[in-house]
Amino acid sequence: MNANADIKNYVYNGVVNEYAKLTGVSIRDAFDTLYKSRLYSQIRRGVSYMHCRSEGYLAEELLLEQQKTARTKQTAP
């Protein structure tokens, strides 16, 4: 099932706002982070009804994804 584009846009905006609050980054940086993330792809494709989860939950998932990516980059040769 694919979510309506309006619903997804609402979710993206909410996640961006929550992520910006959580991390202290600008809204622009939060949008950039989301659009480059695996989470964005999952929401866009409707994987596991990600668009139905709370904005706070998704923002935390985005933060965890970014932390994991940063750790991976630090340990790469």
PDB file of N, CA and C in Angstrom:
ATOM      1  N   MET A   1       0.839  -1.185   0.000  1.00  0.00           N
ATOM      2  CA  MET A   1       0.000   0.000   0.000  1.00  0.00           C
ATOM      3  C   MET A   1       0.878   1.241   0.000  1.00  0.00           C
ATOM      4  N   ASN A   2       0.601   2.181  -0.879  1.00  0.00           N
ATOM      5  CA  ASN A   2       1.334   3.437  -0.915  1.00  0.00           C
ATOM      6  C   ASN A   2       0.507   4.515  -0.243  1.00  0.00           C
ATOM      7  N   ALA A   3       1.158   5.257   0.627  1.00  0.00           N
ATOM      8  CA  ALA A   3       0.460   6.353   1.308  1.00  0.00           C
ATOM      9  C   ALA A   3       0.288   7.510   0.342  1.00  0.00           C
ATOM     10  N   ASN A   4      -0.739   8.245   0.560  1.00  0.00           N
ATOM     11  CA  ASN A   4      -1.005   9.443  -0.217  1.00  0.00           C
ATOM     12  C   ASN A   4       0.182  10.407  -0.096  1.00  0.00           C
ATOM     13  N   ALA A   5       0.520  11.071  -1.174  1.00  0.00           N
ATOM     14  CA  ALA A   5       1.660  11.993  -1.182  1.00  0.00           C
ATOM     15  C   ALA A   5       1.499  13.097  -0.148  1.00  0.00           C
ATOM     16  N   ASP A   6       0.280  13.565   0.070  1.00  0.00           N
ATOM     17  CA  ASP A   6       0.059  14.607   1.074  1.00  0.00           C
ATOM     18  C   ASP A   6       0.401  14.114   2.470  1.00  0.00           C
ATOM     19  N   ILE A   7       0.035  12.882   2.762  1.00  0.00           N
ATOM     20  CA  ILE A   7       0.350  12.314   4.073  1.00  0.00           C
ATOM     21  C   ILE A   7       1.853  12.203   4.240  1.00  0.00           C
ATOM     22  N   LYS A   8       2.525  11.723   3.215  1.00  0.00           N
ATOM     23  CA  LYS A   8       3.978  11.582   3.290  1.00  0.00           C
ATOM     24  C   LYS A   8       4.644  12.937   3.470  1.00  0.00           C
ATOM     25  N   ASN A   9       4.191  13.953   2.750  1.00  0.00           N
ATOM     26  CA  ASN A   9       4.775  15.285   2.907  1.00  0.00           C
ATOM     27  C   ASN A   9       4.573  15.800   4.323  1.00  0.00           C
ATOM     28  N   TYR A  10       3.413  15.532   4.900  1.00  0.00           N
ATOM     29  CA  TYR A  10       3.145  15.920   6.283  1.00  0.00           C
ATOM     30  C   TYR A  10       4.128  15.212   7.223  1.00  0.00           C
ATOM     31  N   VAL A  11       4.346  13.932   6.978  1.00  0.00           N
ATOM     32  CA  VAL A  11       5.276  13.156   7.801  1.00  0.00           C
ATOM     33  C   VAL A  11       6.694  13.699   7.655  1.00  0.00           C
ATOM     34  N   TYR A  12       7.124  13.969   6.425  1.00  0.00           N
ATOM     35  CA  TYR A  12       8.471  14.503   6.215  1.00  0.00           C
ATOM     36  C   TYR A  12       8.666  15.797   6.994  1.00  0.00           C
ATOM     37  N   ASN A  13       7.705  16.691   6.898  1.00  0.00           N
ATOM     38  CA  ASN A  13       7.813  17.975   7.602  1.00  0.00           C
ATOM     39  C   ASN A  13       7.889  17.769   9.112  1.00  0.00           C
ATOM     40  N   GLY A  14       7.053  16.880   9.630  1.00  0.00           N
ATOM     41  CA  GLY A  14       7.066  16.613  11.058  1.00  0.00           C
ATOM     42  C   GLY A  14       8.374  16.013  11.533  1.00  0.00           C
ATOM     43  N   VAL A  15       8.897  15.073  10.761  1.00  0.00           N
ATOM     44  CA  VAL A  15      10.164  14.435  11.113  1.00  0.00           C
ATOM     45  C   VAL A  15      11.282  15.468  11.096  1.00  0.00           C
ATOM     46  N   VAL A  16      11.291  16.312  10.094  1.00  0.00           N
ATOM     47  CA  VAL A  16      12.324  17.348   9.986  1.00  0.00           C
ATOM     48  C   VAL A  16      12.277  18.279  11.189  1.00  0.00           C
ATOM     49  N   ASN A  17      11.095  18.723  11.550  1.00  0.00           N
ATOM     50  CA  ASN A  17      10.966  19.626  12.699  1.00  0.00           C
ATOM     51  C   ASN A  17      11.409  18.953  13.997  1.00  0.00           C
ATOM     52  N   GLU A  18      10.998  17.711  14.196  1.00  0.00           N
ATOM     53  CA  GLU A  18      11.395  16.981  15.402  1.00  0.00           C
ATOM     54  C   GLU A  18      12.899  16.718  15.420  1.00  0.00           C
ATOM     55  N   TYR A  19      13.468  16.355  14.280  1.00  0.00           N
ATOM     56  CA  TYR A  19      14.911  16.097  14.198  1.00  0.00           C
ATOM     57  C   TYR A  19      15.695  17.369  14.485  1.00  0.00           C
ATOM     58  N   ALA A  20      15.237  18.494  13.950  1.00  0.00           N
ATOM     59  CA  ALA A  20      15.911  19.771  14.200  1.00  0.00           C
ATOM     60  C   ALA A  20      15.879  20.116  15.688  1.00  0.00           C
ATOM     61  N   LYS A  21      14.745  19.892  16.336  1.00  0.00           N
ATOM     62  CA  LYS A  21      14.639  20.145  17.781  1.00  0.00           C
ATOM     63  C   LYS A  21      15.555  19.207  18.565  1.00  0.00           C
ATOM     64  N   LEU A  22      15.568  17.961  18.173  1.00  0.00           N
ATOM     65  CA  LEU A  22      16.331  16.931  18.869  1.00  0.00           C
ATOM     66  C   LEU A  22      17.835  17.168  18.781  1.00  0.00           C
ATOM     67  N   THR A  23      18.284  17.630  17.625  1.00  0.00           N
ATOM     68  CA  THR A  23      19.729  17.756  17.391  1.00  0.00           C
ATOM     69  C   THR A  23      20.244  19.190  17.432  1.00  0.00           C
ATOM     70  N   GLY A  24      19.348  20.162  17.316  1.00  0.00           N
ATOM     71  CA  GLY A  24      19.776  21.555  17.313  1.00  0.00           C
ATOM     72  C   GLY A  24      20.279  22.050  15.968  1.00  0.00           C
ATOM     73  N   VAL A  25      20.051  21.276  14.908  1.00  0.00           N
ATOM     74  CA  VAL A  25      20.470  21.712  13.575  1.00  0.00           C
ATOM     75  C   VAL A  25      19.363  22.571  12.963  1.00  0.00           C
ATOM     76  N   SER A  26      19.713  23.278  11.911  1.00  0.00           N
ATOM     77  CA  SER A  26      18.727  24.105  11.222  1.00  0.00           C
ATOM     78  C   SER A  26      17.721  23.222  10.487  1.00  0.00           C
ATOM     79  N   ILE A  27      16.589  23.809  10.162  1.00  0.00           N
ATOM     80  CA  ILE A  27      15.567  23.087   9.392  1.00  0.00           C
ATOM     81  C   ILE A  27      16.146  22.652   8.045  1.00  0.00           C
ATOM     82  N   ARG A  28      16.902  23.518   7.420  1.00  0.00           N
ATOM     83  CA  ARG A  28      17.515  23.190   6.121  1.00  0.00           C
ATOM     84  C   ARG A  28      18.437  21.974   6.248  1.00  0.00           C
ATOM     85  N   ASP A  29      19.271  21.970   7.284  1.00  0.00           N
ATOM     86  CA  ASP A  29      20.166  20.826   7.485  1.00  0.00           C
ATOM     87  C   ASP A  29      19.386  19.555   7.811  1.00  0.00           C
ATOM     88  N   ALA A  30      18.307  19.715   8.560  1.00  0.00           N
ATOM     89  CA  ALA A  30      17.468  18.561   8.888  1.00  0.00           C
ATOM     90  C   ALA A  30      16.828  17.983   7.628  1.00  0.00           C
ATOM     91  N   PHE A  31      16.353  18.845   6.730  1.00  0.00           N
ATOM     92  CA  PHE A  31      15.806  18.365   5.454  1.00  0.00           C
ATOM     93  C   PHE A  31      16.877  17.634   4.652  1.00  0.00           C
ATOM     94  N   ASP A  32      18.067  18.207   4.571  1.00  0.00           N
ATOM     95  CA  ASP A  32      19.152  17.555   3.838  1.00  0.00           C
ATOM     96  C   ASP A  32      19.448  16.171   4.413  1.00  0.00           C
ATOM     97  N   THR A  33      19.492  16.101   5.739  1.00  0.00           N
ATOM     98  CA  THR A  33      19.769  14.830   6.402  1.00  0.00           C
ATOM     99  C   THR A  33      18.688  13.813   6.074  1.00  0.00           C
ATOM    100  N   LEU A  34      17.434  14.214   6.182  1.00  0.00           N
ATOM    101  CA  LEU A  34      16.334  13.287   5.896  1.00  0.00           C
ATOM    102  C   LEU A  34      16.383  12.813   4.451  1.00  0.00           C
ATOM    103  N   TYR A  35      16.522  13.730   3.508  1.00  0.00           N
ATOM    104  CA  TYR A  35      16.461  13.357   2.090  1.00  0.00           C
ATOM    105  C   TYR A  35      17.605  12.461   1.647  1.00  0.00           C
ATOM    106  N   LYS A  36      18.703  12.460   2.398  1.00  0.00           N
ATOM    107  CA  LYS A  36      19.839  11.600   2.062  1.00  0.00           C
ATOM    108  C   LYS A  36      19.827  10.284   2.836  1.00  0.00           C
ATOM    109  N   SER A  37      18.782  10.072   3.633  1.00  0.00           N
ATOM    110  CA  SER A  37      18.765   8.932   4.547  1.00  0.00           C
ATOM    111  C   SER A  37      18.037   7.717   3.977  1.00  0.00           C
ATOM    112  N   ARG A  38      18.330   6.597   4.599  1.00  0.00           N
ATOM    113  CA  ARG A  38      17.629   5.350   4.307  1.00  0.00           C
ATOM    114  C   ARG A  38      16.182   5.456   4.790  1.00  0.00           C
ATOM    115  N   LEU A  39      15.978   6.168   5.900  1.00  0.00           N
ATOM    116  CA  LEU A  39      14.636   6.343   6.452  1.00  0.00           C
ATOM    117  C   LEU A  39      13.713   7.014   5.437  1.00  0.00           C
ATOM    118  N   TYR A  40      14.211   8.040   4.755  1.00  0.00           N
ATOM    119  CA  TYR A  40      13.407   8.724   3.738  1.00  0.00           C
ATOM    120  C   TYR A  40      12.957   7.740   2.661  1.00  0.00           C
ATOM    121  N   SER A  41      13.875   6.909   2.236  1.00  0.00           N
ATOM    122  CA  SER A  41      13.554   5.918   1.207  1.00  0.00           C
ATOM    123  C   SER A  41      12.484   4.950   1.706  1.00  0.00           C
ATOM    124  N   GLN A  42      12.586   4.553   2.951  1.00  0.00           N
ATOM    125  CA  GLN A  42      11.604   3.624   3.512  1.00  0.00           C
ATOM    126  C   GLN A  42      10.220   4.267   3.599  1.00  0.00           C
ATOM    127  N   ILE A  43      10.169   5.515   4.041  1.00  0.00           N
ATOM    128  CA  ILE A  43       8.882   6.210   4.121  1.00  0.00           C
ATOM    129  C   ILE A  43       8.299   6.366   2.717  1.00  0.00           C
ATOM    130  N   ARG A  44       9.127   6.808   1.785  1.00  0.00           N
ATOM    131  CA  ARG A  44       8.690   7.053   0.409  1.00  0.00           C
ATOM    132  C   ARG A  44       8.115   5.797  -0.236  1.00  0.00           C
ATOM    133  N   ARG A  45       8.759   4.659   0.028  1.00  0.00           N
ATOM    134  CA  ARG A  45       8.308   3.394  -0.557  1.00  0.00           C
ATOM    135  C   ARG A  45       7.180   2.739   0.236  1.00  0.00           C
ATOM    136  N   GLY A  46       6.865   3.278   1.412  1.00  0.00           N
ATOM    137  CA  GLY A  46       5.799   2.708   2.225  1.00  0.00           C
ATOM    138  C   GLY A  46       6.195   1.444   2.964  1.00  0.00           C
ATOM    139  N   VAL A  47       7.488   1.271   3.202  1.00  0.00           N
ATOM    140  CA  VAL A  47       7.991   0.079   3.886  1.00  0.00           C
ATOM    141  C   VAL A  47       7.482   0.053   5.330  1.00  0.00           C
ATOM    142  N   SER A  48       6.928  -1.062   5.718  1.00  0.00           N
ATOM    143  CA  SER A  48       6.479  -1.305   7.100  1.00  0.00           C
ATOM    144  C   SER A  48       5.600  -0.192   7.653  1.00  0.00           C
ATOM    145  N   TYR A  49       4.861   0.457   6.777  1.00  0.00           N
ATOM    146  CA  TYR A  49       3.972   1.545   7.196  1.00  0.00           C
ATOM    147  C   TYR A  49       4.717   2.599   8.023  1.00  0.00           C
ATOM    148  N   MET A  50       5.946   2.893   7.612  1.00  0.00           N
ATOM    149  CA  MET A  50       6.758   3.877   8.340  1.00  0.00           C
ATOM    150  C   MET A  50       6.041   5.217   8.450  1.00  0.00           C
ATOM    151  N   HIS A  51       5.257   5.556   7.446  1.00  0.00           N
ATOM    152  CA  HIS A  51       4.541   6.841   7.451  1.00  0.00           C
ATOM    153  C   HIS A  51       3.482   6.913   8.543  1.00  0.00           C
ATOM    154  N   CYS A  52       3.147   5.776   9.153  1.00  0.00           N
ATOM    155  CA  CYS A  52       2.136   5.730  10.220  1.00  0.00           C
ATOM    156  C   CYS A  52       2.746   5.906  11.613  1.00  0.00           C
ATOM    157  N   ARG A  53       4.041   5.899  11.701  1.00  0.00           N
ATOM    158  CA  ARG A  53       4.703   6.018  13.006  1.00  0.00           C
ATOM    159  C   ARG A  53       4.793   7.489  13.404  1.00  0.00           C
ATOM    160  N   SER A  54       4.975   7.737  14.677  1.00  0.00           N
ATOM    161  CA  SER A  54       4.985   9.118  15.160  1.00  0.00           C
ATOM    162  C   SER A  54       6.213   9.868  14.653  1.00  0.00           C
ATOM    163  N   GLU A  55       6.070  11.172  14.565  1.00  0.00           N
ATOM    164  CA  GLU A  55       7.167  12.013  14.102  1.00  0.00           C
ATOM    165  C   GLU A  55       8.369  11.913  15.040  1.00  0.00           C
ATOM    166  N   GLY A  56       8.082  11.857  16.340  1.00  0.00           N
ATOM    167  CA  GLY A  56       9.159  11.728  17.321  1.00  0.00           C
ATOM    168  C   GLY A  56       9.928  10.429  17.158  1.00  0.00           C
ATOM    169  N   TYR A  57       9.199   9.347  16.957  1.00  0.00           N
ATOM    170  CA  TYR A  57       9.829   8.048  16.745  1.00  0.00           C
ATOM    171  C   TYR A  57      10.709   8.076  15.501  1.00  0.00           C
ATOM    172  N   LEU A  58      10.171   8.610  14.421  1.00  0.00           N
ATOM    173  CA  LEU A  58      10.924   8.661  13.166  1.00  0.00           C
ATOM    174  C   LEU A  58      12.144   9.572  13.281  1.00  0.00           C
ATOM    175  N   ALA A  59      12.016  10.676  14.009  1.00  0.00           N
ATOM    176  CA  ALA A  59      13.169  11.571  14.214  1.00  0.00           C
ATOM    177  C   ALA A  59      14.264  10.843  14.992  1.00  0.00           C
ATOM    178  N   GLU A  60      13.875  10.059  15.994  1.00  0.00           N
ATOM    179  CA  GLU A  60      14.864   9.280  16.746  1.00  0.00           C
ATOM    180  C   GLU A  60      15.510   8.217  15.865  1.00  0.00           C
ATOM    181  N   GLU A  61      14.713   7.603  15.002  1.00  0.00           N
ATOM    182  CA  GLU A  61      15.265   6.628  14.060  1.00  0.00           C
ATOM    183  C   GLU A  61      16.275   7.284  13.119  1.00  0.00           C
ATOM    184  N   LEU A  62      15.953   8.488  12.672  1.00  0.00           N
ATOM    185  CA  LEU A  62      16.876   9.224  11.802  1.00  0.00           C
ATOM    186  C   LEU A  62      18.167   9.534  12.546  1.00  0.00           C
ATOM    187  N   LEU A  63      18.053   9.944  13.795  1.00  0.00           N
ATOM    188  CA  LEU A  63      19.238  10.233  14.604  1.00  0.00           C
ATOM    189  C   LEU A  63      20.085   8.976  14.773  1.00  0.00           C
ATOM    190  N   LEU A  64      19.462   7.852  15.080  1.00  0.00           N
ATOM    191  CA  LEU A  64      20.204   6.602  15.221  1.00  0.00           C
ATOM    192  C   LEU A  64      20.902   6.212  13.920  1.00  0.00           C
ATOM    193  N   GLU A  65      20.208   6.407  12.803  1.00  0.00           N
ATOM    194  CA  GLU A  65      20.811   6.107  11.503  1.00  0.00           C
ATOM    195  C   GLU A  65      22.042   6.983  11.264  1.00  0.00           C
ATOM    196  N   GLN A  66      21.936   8.256  11.591  1.00  0.00           N
ATOM    197  CA  GLN A  66      23.055   9.174  11.394  1.00  0.00           C
ATOM    198  C   GLN A  66      24.226   8.829  12.311  1.00  0.00           C
ATOM    199  N   GLN A  67      23.938   8.455  13.548  1.00  0.00           N
ATOM    200  CA  GLN A  67      24.995   8.062  14.477  1.00  0.00           C
ATOM    201  C   GLN A  67      25.704   6.806  13.997  1.00  0.00           C
ATOM    202  N   LYS A  68      24.941   5.851  13.500  1.00  0.00           N
ATOM    203  CA  LYS A  68      25.525   4.621  12.983  1.00  0.00           C
ATOM    204  C   LYS A  68      26.397   4.912  11.764  1.00  0.00           C
ATOM    205  N   THR A  69      25.928   5.777  10.884  1.00  0.00           N
ATOM    206  CA  THR A  69      26.693   6.153   9.698  1.00  0.00           C
ATOM    207  C   THR A  69      27.997   6.837  10.102  1.00  0.00           C
ATOM    208  N   ALA A  70      27.920   7.720  11.093  1.00  0.00           N
ATOM    209  CA  ALA A  70      29.121   8.432  11.549  1.00  0.00           C
ATOM    210  C   ALA A  70      30.132   7.467  12.145  1.00  0.00           C
ATOM    211  N   ARG A  71      29.668   6.493  12.921  1.00  0.00           N
ATOM    212  CA  ARG A  71      30.571   5.487  13.512  1.00  0.00           C
ATOM    213  C   ARG A  71      31.229   4.664  12.422  1.00  0.00           C
ATOM    214  N   THR A  72      30.466   4.311  11.401  1.00  0.00           N
ATOM    215  CA  THR A  72      30.990   3.508  10.297  1.00  0.00           C
ATOM    216  C   THR A  72      32.089   4.279   9.559  1.00  0.00           C
ATOM    217  N   LYS A  73      31.855   5.562   9.339  1.00  0.00           N
ATOM    218  CA  LYS A  73      32.845   6.385   8.643  1.00  0.00           C
ATOM    219  C   LYS A  73      34.113   6.546   9.470  1.00  0.00           C
ATOM    220  N   GLN A  74      33.982   6.603  10.782  1.00  0.00           N
ATOM    221  CA  GLN A  74      35.154   6.757  11.665  1.00  0.00           C
ATOM    222  C   GLN A  74      36.028   5.529  11.669  1.00  0.00           C
ATOM    223  N   THR A  75      35.422   4.352  11.537  1.00  0.00           N
ATOM    224  CA  THR A  75      36.178   3.123  11.585  1.00  0.00           C
ATOM    225  C   THR A  75      36.677   2.656  10.222  1.00  0.00           C
ATOM    226  N   ALA A  76      36.216   3.303   9.154  1.00  0.00           N
ATOM    227  CA  ALA A  76      36.672   2.923   7.813  1.00  0.00           C
ATOM    228  C   ALA A  76      38.108   3.369   7.604  1.00  0.00           C
ATOM    229  N   PRO A  77      38.885   2.531   6.919  1.00  0.00           N
ATOM    230  CA  PRO A  77      40.304   2.893   6.676  1.00  0.00           C
ATOM    231  C   PRO A  77      40.471   4.046   5.738  1.00  0.00           C
TER     232      PRO A  77
END
